[in-house]
PDB file of N, CA and C in Angstrom:
ATOM      1  N   UNK A   1     143.294 -59.651 -60.632  1.00  0.00           N
ATOM      2  CA  UNK A   1     142.297 -60.298 -61.466  1.00  0.00           C
ATOM      3  C   UNK A   1     142.589 -59.954 -62.915  1.00  0.00           C
ATOM      4  N   UNK A   2     142.734 -60.962 -63.768  1.00  0.00           N
ATOM      5  CA  UNK A   2     143.128 -60.725 -65.134  1.00  0.00           C
ATOM      6  C   UNK A   2     141.970 -60.540 -66.101  1.00  0.00           C
ATOM      7  N   UNK A   3     140.770 -60.864 -65.743  1.00  0.00           N
ATOM      8  CA  UNK A   3     139.677 -60.492 -66.620  1.00  0.00           C
ATOM      9  C   UNK A   3     139.005 -61.630 -67.333  1.00  0.00           C
ATOM     10  N   UNK A   4     138.587 -61.344 -68.554  1.00  0.00           N
ATOM     11  CA  UNK A   4     137.640 -62.213 -69.234  1.00  0.00           C
ATOM     12  C   UNK A   4     138.249 -63.263 -70.139  1.00  0.00           C
ATOM     13  N   UNK A   5     139.446 -63.062 -70.641  1.00  0.00           N
ATOM     14  CA  UNK A   5     140.003 -64.009 -71.607  1.00  0.00           C
ATOM     15  C   UNK A   5     141.522 -64.009 -71.539  1.00  0.00           C
ATOM     16  N   UNK A   6     142.113 -65.156 -71.899  1.00  0.00           N
ATOM     17  CA  UNK A   6     143.570 -65.250 -71.936  1.00  0.00           C
ATOM     18  C   UNK A   6     143.984 -66.296 -72.964  1.00  0.00           C
ATOM     19  N   UNK A   7     145.164 -66.107 -73.541  1.00  0.00           N
ATOM     20  CA  UNK A   7     145.755 -67.095 -74.439  1.00  0.00           C
ATOM     21  C   UNK A   7     147.231 -67.248 -74.100  1.00  0.00           C
ATOM     22  N   UNK A   8     147.777 -68.415 -74.420  1.00  0.00           N
ATOM     23  CA  UNK A   8     149.187 -68.712 -74.168  1.00  0.00           C
ATOM     24  C   UNK A   8     149.868 -69.024 -75.491  1.00  0.00           C
ATOM     25  N   UNK A   9     150.988 -68.354 -75.750  1.00  0.00           N
ATOM     26  CA  UNK A   9     151.816 -68.687 -76.903  1.00  0.00           C
ATOM     27  C   UNK A   9     152.757 -69.794 -76.460  1.00  0.00           C
ATOM     28  N   UNK A  10     152.530 -70.992 -76.924  1.00  0.00           N
ATOM     29  CA  UNK A  10     153.320 -72.139 -76.479  1.00  0.00           C
ATOM     30  C   UNK A  10     154.776 -72.078 -76.934  1.00  0.00           C
ATOM     31  N   UNK A  11     155.076 -71.308 -77.978  1.00  0.00           N
ATOM     32  CA  UNK A  11     156.454 -71.176 -78.441  1.00  0.00           C
ATOM     33  C   UNK A  11     157.267 -70.236 -77.563  1.00  0.00           C
ATOM     34  N   UNK A  12     156.650 -69.127 -77.122  1.00  0.00           N
ATOM     35  CA  UNK A  12     157.384 -68.134 -76.331  1.00  0.00           C
ATOM     36  C   UNK A  12     157.063 -68.200 -74.846  1.00  0.00           C
ATOM     37  N   UNK A  13     155.951 -68.826 -74.484  1.00  0.00           N
ATOM     38  CA  UNK A  13     155.525 -68.894 -73.093  1.00  0.00           C
ATOM     39  C   UNK A  13     154.809 -67.646 -72.602  1.00  0.00           C
ATOM     40  N   UNK A  14     154.586 -66.677 -73.489  1.00  0.00           N
ATOM     41  CA  UNK A  14     153.904 -65.448 -73.099  1.00  0.00           C
ATOM     42  C   UNK A  14     152.407 -65.723 -72.962  1.00  0.00           C
ATOM     43  N   UNK A  15     151.832 -65.253 -71.855  1.00  0.00           N
ATOM     44  CA  UNK A  15     150.390 -65.325 -71.623  1.00  0.00           C
ATOM     45  C   UNK A  15     149.849 -63.908 -71.756  1.00  0.00           C
ATOM     46  N   UNK A  16     148.783 -63.737 -72.532  1.00  0.00           N
ATOM     47  CA  UNK A  16     148.149 -62.431 -72.674  1.00  0.00           C
ATOM     48  C   UNK A  16     146.728 -62.549 -72.152  1.00  0.00           C
ATOM     49  N   UNK A  17     146.322 -61.575 -71.334  1.00  0.00           N
ATOM     50  CA  UNK A  17     144.978 -61.575 -70.747  1.00  0.00           C
ATOM     51  C   UNK A  17     144.330 -60.222 -70.949  1.00  0.00           C
ATOM     52  N   UNK A  18     142.998 -60.242 -71.068  1.00  0.00           N
ATOM     53  CA  UNK A  18     142.242 -59.001 -71.200  1.00  0.00           C
ATOM     54  C   UNK A  18     141.517 -58.701 -69.893  1.00  0.00           C
ATOM     55  N   UNK A  19     141.118 -57.447 -69.733  1.00  0.00           N
ATOM     56  CA  UNK A  19     140.493 -56.997 -68.499  1.00  0.00           C
ATOM     57  C   UNK A  19     139.001 -56.733 -68.633  1.00  0.00           C
ATOM     58  N   UNK A  20     138.367 -57.273 -69.632  1.00  0.00           N
ATOM     59  CA  UNK A  20     136.913 -57.209 -69.768  1.00  0.00           C
ATOM     60  C   UNK A  20     136.336 -55.815 -69.743  1.00  0.00           C
ATOM     61  N   UNK A  21     135.331 -55.617 -68.886  1.00  0.00           N
ATOM     62  CA  UNK A  21     134.581 -54.365 -68.850  1.00  0.00           C
ATOM     63  C   UNK A  21     135.452 -53.170 -68.481  1.00  0.00           C
ATOM     64  N   UNK A  22     136.509 -53.374 -67.706  1.00  0.00           N
ATOM     65  CA  UNK A  22     137.377 -52.273 -67.313  1.00  0.00           C
ATOM     66  C   UNK A  22     138.373 -51.877 -68.373  1.00  0.00           C
ATOM     67  N   UNK A  23     138.522 -52.710 -69.391  1.00  0.00           N
ATOM     68  CA  UNK A  23     139.471 -52.433 -70.456  1.00  0.00           C
ATOM     69  C   UNK A  23     140.897 -52.747 -70.050  1.00  0.00           C
ATOM     70  N   UNK A  24     141.753 -52.871 -71.021  1.00  0.00           N
ATOM     71  CA  UNK A  24     143.166 -53.104 -70.788  1.00  0.00           C
ATOM     72  C   UNK A  24     143.615 -54.497 -71.179  1.00  0.00           C
ATOM     73  N   UNK A  25     144.912 -54.598 -71.464  1.00  0.00           N
ATOM     74  CA  UNK A  25     145.538 -55.847 -71.866  1.00  0.00           C
ATOM     75  C   UNK A  25     146.823 -55.999 -71.064  1.00  0.00           C
ATOM     76  N   UNK A  26     147.046 -57.180 -70.500  1.00  0.00           N
ATOM     77  CA  UNK A  26     148.259 -57.460 -69.730  1.00  0.00           C
ATOM     78  C   UNK A  26     148.936 -58.709 -70.265  1.00  0.00           C
ATOM     79  N   UNK A  27     150.222 -58.847 -69.942  1.00  0.00           N
ATOM     80  CA  UNK A  27     150.945 -60.062 -70.322  1.00  0.00           C
ATOM     81  C   UNK A  27     151.809 -60.549 -69.169  1.00  0.00           C
ATOM     82  N   UNK A  28     152.140 -61.838 -69.233  1.00  0.00           N
ATOM     83  CA  UNK A  28     153.071 -62.449 -68.298  1.00  0.00           C
ATOM     84  C   UNK A  28     154.045 -63.289 -69.105  1.00  0.00           C
ATOM     85  N   UNK A  29     155.322 -63.151 -68.829  1.00  0.00           N
ATOM     86  CA  UNK A  29     156.307 -64.003 -69.500  1.00  0.00           C
ATOM     87  C   UNK A  29     157.011 -64.929 -68.510  1.00  0.00           C
ATOM     88  N   UNK A  30     156.374 -65.117 -67.327  1.00  0.00           N
ATOM     89  CA  UNK A  30     156.924 -66.034 -66.320  1.00  0.00           C
ATOM     90  C   UNK A  30     155.832 -66.975 -65.779  1.00  0.00           C
ATOM     91  N   UNK A  31     155.017 -67.489 -66.686  1.00  0.00           N
ATOM     92  CA  UNK A  31     153.961 -68.453 -66.370  1.00  0.00           C
ATOM     93  C   UNK A  31     152.907 -67.907 -65.406  1.00  0.00           C
ATOM     94  N   UNK A  32     152.677 -66.599 -65.444  1.00  0.00           N
ATOM     95  CA  UNK A  32     151.630 -65.989 -64.631  1.00  0.00           C
ATOM     96  C   UNK A  32     152.049 -65.575 -63.239  1.00  0.00           C
ATOM     97  N   UNK A  33     153.330 -65.701 -62.910  1.00  0.00           N
ATOM     98  CA  UNK A  33     153.797 -65.300 -61.575  1.00  0.00           C
ATOM     99  C   UNK A  33     153.701 -63.792 -61.387  1.00  0.00           C
ATOM    100  N   UNK A  34     153.950 -63.044 -62.457  1.00  0.00           N
ATOM    101  CA  UNK A  34     153.807 -61.590 -62.405  1.00  0.00           C
ATOM    102  C   UNK A  34     153.214 -61.113 -63.730  1.00  0.00           C
ATOM    103  N   UNK A  35     152.542 -59.962 -63.668  1.00  0.00           N
ATOM    104  CA  UNK A  35     151.842 -59.423 -64.835  1.00  0.00           C
ATOM    105  C   UNK A  35     152.275 -57.989 -65.094  1.00  0.00           C
ATOM    106  N   UNK A  36     152.338 -57.629 -66.375  1.00  0.00           N
ATOM    107  CA  UNK A  36     152.657 -56.273 -66.796  1.00  0.00           C
ATOM    108  C   UNK A  36     151.501 -55.746 -67.629  1.00  0.00           C
ATOM    109  N   UNK A  37     151.042 -54.548 -67.287  1.00  0.00           N
ATOM    110  CA  UNK A  37     149.974 -53.930 -68.071  1.00  0.00           C
ATOM    111  C   UNK A  37     150.592 -53.468 -69.382  1.00  0.00           C
ATOM    112  N   UNK A  38     150.154 -54.048 -70.493  1.00  0.00           N
ATOM    113  CA  UNK A  38     150.745 -53.763 -71.791  1.00  0.00           C
ATOM    114  C   UNK A  38     150.041 -52.645 -72.539  1.00  0.00           C
ATOM    115  N   UNK A  39     148.718 -52.503 -72.333  1.00  0.00           N
ATOM    116  CA  UNK A  39     147.973 -51.512 -73.102  1.00  0.00           C
ATOM    117  C   UNK A  39     146.725 -51.096 -72.352  1.00  0.00           C
ATOM    118  N   UNK A  40     146.486 -49.802 -72.307  1.00  0.00           N
ATOM    119  CA  UNK A  40     145.261 -49.251 -71.734  1.00  0.00           C
ATOM    120  C   UNK A  40     144.295 -48.977 -72.870  1.00  0.00           C
ATOM    121  N   UNK A  41     143.074 -49.418 -72.744  1.00  0.00           N
ATOM    122  CA  UNK A  41     142.084 -49.239 -73.804  1.00  0.00           C
ATOM    123  C   UNK A  41     141.184 -48.032 -73.559  1.00  0.00           C
ATOM    124  N   UNK A  42     141.558 -47.177 -72.655  1.00  0.00           N
ATOM    125  CA  UNK A  42     140.771 -45.986 -72.384  1.00  0.00           C
ATOM    126  C   UNK A  42     139.401 -46.290 -71.807  1.00  0.00           C
ATOM    127  N   UNK A  43     139.300 -47.382 -71.077  1.00  0.00           N
ATOM    128  CA  UNK A  43     138.031 -47.771 -70.484  1.00  0.00           C
ATOM    129  C   UNK A  43     137.119 -48.550 -71.417  1.00  0.00           C
ATOM    130  N   UNK A  44     137.528 -48.706 -72.679  1.00  0.00           N
ATOM    131  CA  UNK A  44     136.725 -49.495 -73.610  1.00  0.00           C
ATOM    132  C   UNK A  44     136.765 -50.965 -73.217  1.00  0.00           C
ATOM    133  N   UNK A  45     135.617 -51.579 -73.248  1.00  0.00           N
ATOM    134  CA  UNK A  45     135.519 -53.006 -72.929  1.00  0.00           C
ATOM    135  C   UNK A  45     136.254 -53.825 -73.981  1.00  0.00           C
ATOM    136  N   UNK A  46     136.941 -54.866 -73.535  1.00  0.00           N
ATOM    137  CA  UNK A  46     137.551 -55.825 -74.450  1.00  0.00           C
ATOM    138  C   UNK A  46     136.806 -57.145 -74.308  1.00  0.00           C
ATOM    139  N   UNK A  47     136.472 -57.749 -75.442  1.00  0.00           N
ATOM    140  CA  UNK A  47     135.539 -58.870 -75.447  1.00  0.00           C
ATOM    141  C   UNK A  47     136.148 -60.224 -75.753  1.00  0.00           C
ATOM    142  N   UNK A  48     137.271 -60.268 -76.419  1.00  0.00           N
ATOM    143  CA  UNK A  48     137.852 -61.555 -76.767  1.00  0.00           C
ATOM    144  C   UNK A  48     139.263 -61.407 -77.283  1.00  0.00           C
ATOM    145  N   UNK A  49     139.994 -62.515 -77.282  1.00  0.00           N
ATOM    146  CA  UNK A  49     141.388 -62.516 -77.725  1.00  0.00           C
ATOM    147  C   UNK A  49     141.658 -63.789 -78.501  1.00  0.00           C
ATOM    148  N   UNK A  50     142.534 -63.670 -79.499  1.00  0.00           N
ATOM    149  CA  UNK A  50     142.931 -64.832 -80.290  1.00  0.00           C
ATOM    150  C   UNK A  50     144.413 -64.718 -80.616  1.00  0.00           C
ATOM    151  N   UNK A  51     145.028 -65.850 -80.878  1.00  0.00           N
ATOM    152  CA  UNK A  51     146.434 -65.914 -81.258  1.00  0.00           C
ATOM    153  C   UNK A  51     146.546 -66.717 -82.533  1.00  0.00           C
ATOM    154  N   UNK A  52     147.210 -66.152 -83.524  1.00  0.00           N
ATOM    155  CA  UNK A  52     147.421 -66.838 -84.802  1.00  0.00           C
ATOM    156  C   UNK A  52     148.859 -66.701 -85.234  1.00  0.00           C
ATOM    157  N   UNK A  53     149.137 -67.087 -86.446  1.00  0.00           N
ATOM    158  CA  UNK A  53     150.504 -67.055 -86.970  1.00  0.00           C
ATOM    159  C   UNK A  53     151.105 -65.654 -86.996  1.00  0.00           C
ATOM    160  N   UNK A  54     150.271 -64.633 -87.163  1.00  0.00           N
ATOM    161  CA  UNK A  54     150.751 -63.254 -87.255  1.00  0.00           C
ATOM    162  C   UNK A  54     150.751 -62.528 -85.916  1.00  0.00           C
ATOM    163  N   UNK A  55     150.297 -63.176 -84.847  1.00  0.00           N
ATOM    164  CA  UNK A  55     150.297 -62.546 -83.537  1.00  0.00           C
ATOM    165  C   UNK A  55     148.938 -62.576 -82.876  1.00  0.00           C
ATOM    166  N   UNK A  56     148.736 -61.629 -81.965  1.00  0.00           N
ATOM    167  CA  UNK A  56     147.532 -61.567 -81.140  1.00  0.00           C
ATOM    168  C   UNK A  56     146.530 -60.562 -81.708  1.00  0.00           C
ATOM    169  N   UNK A  57     145.252 -60.842 -81.502  1.00  0.00           N
ATOM    170  CA  UNK A  57     144.179 -59.922 -81.870  1.00  0.00           C
ATOM    171  C   UNK A  57     143.206 -59.871 -80.697  1.00  0.00           C
ATOM    172  N   UNK A  58     142.870 -58.668 -80.256  1.00  0.00           N
ATOM    173  CA  UNK A  58     141.871 -58.460 -79.212  1.00  0.00           C
ATOM    174  C   UNK A  58     140.746 -57.631 -79.814  1.00  0.00           C
ATOM    175  N   UNK A  59     139.519 -58.084 -79.620  1.00  0.00           N
ATOM    176  CA  UNK A  59     138.351 -57.374 -80.123  1.00  0.00           C
ATOM    177  C   UNK A  59     137.745 -56.584 -78.978  1.00  0.00           C
ATOM    178  N   UNK A  60     137.493 -55.298 -79.242  1.00  0.00           N
ATOM    179  CA  UNK A  60     136.969 -54.436 -78.204  1.00  0.00           C
ATOM    180  C   UNK A  60     135.642 -53.800 -78.562  1.00  0.00           C
ATOM    181  N   UNK A  61     135.177 -53.004 -77.637  1.00  0.00           N
ATOM    182  CA  UNK A  61     133.918 -52.286 -77.756  1.00  0.00           C
ATOM    183  C   UNK A  61     133.905 -51.393 -78.995  1.00  0.00           C
ATOM    184  N   UNK A  62     132.747 -51.275 -79.619  1.00  0.00           N
ATOM    185  CA  UNK A  62     132.518 -50.392 -80.769  1.00  0.00           C
ATOM    186  C   UNK A  62     133.383 -50.763 -81.971  1.00  0.00           C
ATOM    187  N   UNK A  63     133.730 -52.037 -82.102  1.00  0.00           N
ATOM    188  CA  UNK A  63     134.456 -52.499 -83.274  1.00  0.00           C
ATOM    189  C   UNK A  63     135.940 -52.228 -83.292  1.00  0.00           C
ATOM    190  N   UNK A  64     136.504 -51.784 -82.172  1.00  0.00           N
ATOM    191  CA  UNK A  64     137.935 -51.520 -82.130  1.00  0.00           C
ATOM    192  C   UNK A  64     138.684 -52.843 -82.005  1.00  0.00           C
ATOM    193  N   UNK A  65     139.760 -52.966 -82.760  1.00  0.00           N
ATOM    194  CA  UNK A  65     140.584 -54.171 -82.718  1.00  0.00           C
ATOM    195  C   UNK A  65     142.006 -53.757 -82.348  1.00  0.00           C
ATOM    196  N   UNK A  66     142.585 -54.486 -81.407  1.00  0.00           N
ATOM    197  CA  UNK A  66     143.952 -54.246 -80.964  1.00  0.00           C
ATOM    198  C   UNK A  66     144.810 -55.407 -81.462  1.00  0.00           C
ATOM    199  N   UNK A  67     146.000 -55.103 -81.985  1.00  0.00           N
ATOM    200  CA  UNK A  67     146.867 -56.154 -82.520  1.00  0.00           C
ATOM    201  C   UNK A  67     148.265 -56.045 -81.920  1.00  0.00           C
ATOM    202  N   UNK A  68     148.926 -57.212 -81.851  1.00  0.00           N
ATOM    203  CA  UNK A  68     150.289 -57.268 -81.334  1.00  0.00           C
ATOM    204  C   UNK A  68     151.001 -58.472 -81.919  1.00  0.00           C
ATOM    205  N   UNK A  69     152.237 -58.289 -82.300  1.00  0.00           N
ATOM    206  CA  UNK A  69     153.059 -59.411 -82.788  1.00  0.00           C
ATOM    207  C   UNK A  69     153.590 -60.260 -81.635  1.00  0.00           C
ATOM    208  N   UNK A  70     153.875 -59.604 -80.478  1.00  0.00           N
ATOM    209  CA  UNK A  70     154.545 -60.302 -79.380  1.00  0.00           C
ATOM    210  C   UNK A  70     153.750 -60.372 -78.070  1.00  0.00           C
ATOM    211  N   UNK A  71     152.559 -59.736 -78.031  1.00  0.00           N
ATOM    212  CA  UNK A  71     151.763 -59.716 -76.812  1.00  0.00           C
ATOM    213  C   UNK A  71     152.158 -58.621 -75.841  1.00  0.00           C
ATOM    214  N   UNK A  72     153.217 -57.903 -76.148  1.00  0.00           N
ATOM    215  CA  UNK A  72     153.728 -56.864 -75.258  1.00  0.00           C
ATOM    216  C   UNK A  72     153.538 -55.458 -75.824  1.00  0.00           C
ATOM    217  N   UNK A  73     153.624 -55.322 -77.120  1.00  0.00           N
ATOM    218  CA  UNK A  73     153.498 -54.031 -77.794  1.00  0.00           C
ATOM    219  C   UNK A  73     152.239 -54.059 -78.653  1.00  0.00           C
ATOM    220  N   UNK A  74     151.305 -53.140 -78.368  1.00  0.00           N
ATOM    221  CA  UNK A  74     149.968 -53.180 -78.972  1.00  0.00           C
ATOM    222  C   UNK A  74     149.682 -51.946 -79.797  1.00  0.00           C
ATOM    223  N   UNK A  75     148.844 -52.133 -80.822  1.00  0.00           N
ATOM    224  CA  UNK A  75     148.349 -51.035 -81.651  1.00  0.00           C
ATOM    225  C   UNK A  75     146.838 -51.112 -81.699  1.00  0.00           C
ATOM    226  N   UNK A  76     146.217 -49.941 -81.732  1.00  0.00           N
ATOM    227  CA  UNK A  76     144.766 -49.867 -81.872  1.00  0.00           C
ATOM    228  C   UNK A  76     144.433 -49.653 -83.340  1.00  0.00           C
ATOM    229  N   UNK A  77     143.493 -50.438 -83.841  1.00  0.00           N
ATOM    230  CA  UNK A  77     143.099 -50.367 -85.245  1.00  0.00           C
ATOM    231  C   UNK A  77     141.613 -50.069 -85.327  1.00  0.00           C
ATOM    232  N   UNK A  78     141.275 -48.839 -85.655  1.00  0.00           N
ATOM    233  CA  UNK A  78     139.876 -48.446 -85.720  1.00  0.00           C
ATOM    234  C   UNK A  78     139.286 -48.604 -87.114  1.00  0.00           C
ATOM    235  N   UNK A  79     140.033 -49.149 -88.032  1.00  0.00           N
ATOM    236  CA  UNK A  79     139.539 -49.326 -89.399  1.00  0.00           C
ATOM    237  C   UNK A  79     138.475 -50.408 -89.486  1.00  0.00           C
ATOM    238  N   UNK A  80     138.378 -51.244 -88.478  1.00  0.00           N
ATOM    239  CA  UNK A  80     137.441 -52.361 -88.486  1.00  0.00           C
ATOM    240  C   UNK A  80     136.153 -51.965 -87.776  1.00  0.00           C
ATOM    241  N   UNK A  81     135.391 -51.066 -88.347  1.00  0.00           N
ATOM    242  CA  UNK A  81     134.191 -50.568 -87.688  1.00  0.00           C
ATOM    243  C   UNK A  81     132.976 -51.434 -87.961  1.00  0.00           C
ATOM    244  N   UNK A  82     133.123 -52.441 -88.780  1.00  0.00           N
ATOM    245  CA  UNK A  82     131.981 -53.303 -89.122  1.00  0.00           C
ATOM    246  C   UNK A  82     132.138 -54.695 -88.529  1.00  0.00           C
ATOM    247  N   UNK A  83     132.582 -54.746 -87.294  1.00  0.00           N
ATOM    248  CA  UNK A  83     132.719 -56.024 -86.615  1.00  0.00           C
ATOM    249  C   UNK A  83     131.341 -56.478 -86.146  1.00  0.00           C
ATOM    250  N   UNK A  84     131.005 -57.713 -86.454  1.00  0.00           N
ATOM    251  CA  UNK A  84     129.714 -58.250 -86.036  1.00  0.00           C
ATOM    252  C   UNK A  84     129.877 -59.368 -85.019  1.00  0.00           C
ATOM    253  N   UNK A  85     128.828 -59.629 -84.276  1.00  0.00           N
ATOM    254  CA  UNK A  85     128.813 -60.694 -83.268  1.00  0.00           C
ATOM    255  C   UNK A  85     127.580 -61.528 -83.509  1.00  0.00           C
ATOM    256  N   UNK A  86     127.799 -62.834 -83.756  1.00  0.00           N
ATOM    257  CA  UNK A  86     126.669 -63.724 -83.982  1.00  0.00           C
ATOM    258  C   UNK A  86     127.088 -65.147 -83.628  1.00  0.00           C
ATOM    259  N   UNK A  87     126.276 -65.828 -82.860  1.00  0.00           N
ATOM    260  CA  UNK A  87     126.543 -67.214 -82.469  1.00  0.00           C
ATOM    261  C   UNK A  87     127.911 -67.363 -81.813  1.00  0.00           C
ATOM    262  N   UNK A  88     128.259 -66.404 -80.935  1.00  0.00           N
ATOM    263  CA  UNK A  88     129.539 -66.426 -80.205  1.00  0.00           C
ATOM    264  C   UNK A  88     130.760 -66.338 -81.094  1.00  0.00           C
ATOM    265  N   UNK A  89     130.628 -65.694 -82.267  1.00  0.00           N
ATOM    266  CA  UNK A  89     131.752 -65.528 -83.183  1.00  0.00           C
ATOM    267  C   UNK A  89     131.787 -64.088 -83.658  1.00  0.00           C
ATOM    268  N   UNK A  90     132.966 -63.477 -83.651  1.00  0.00           N
ATOM    269  CA  UNK A  90     133.137 -62.161 -84.231  1.00  0.00           C
ATOM    270  C   UNK A  90     133.436 -62.318 -85.702  1.00  0.00           C
ATOM    271  N   UNK A  91     132.941 -61.385 -86.511  1.00  0.00           N
ATOM    272  CA  UNK A  91     133.228 -61.429 -87.935  1.00  0.00           C
ATOM    273  C   UNK A  91     133.501 -60.022 -88.437  1.00  0.00           C
ATOM    274  N   UNK A  92     134.328 -59.946 -89.470  1.00  0.00           N
ATOM    275  CA  UNK A  92     134.657 -58.634 -90.077  1.00  0.00           C
ATOM    276  C   UNK A  92     133.887 -58.491 -91.366  1.00  0.00           C
TER     277      UNK A  92
END
């Protein structure tokens, strides 16, 4: 079970999925046939994922944001402690 959200990079074919309440981020580079756990969030809930020109962004519990250029290698960014949620949109 891959969780609460997923995005597909149409240029590379990489699919990235989050694991919701259990935390964690996984990717597939073979159209979902197999999955690799890319990042453990230490049990922190992950709430959403987006893909833009600079890569992937995952928003997690307590304002933690995870970023990745390729969907496979992730960094945790705790500098964004003022993340808000309103009308189904996260804002910094």
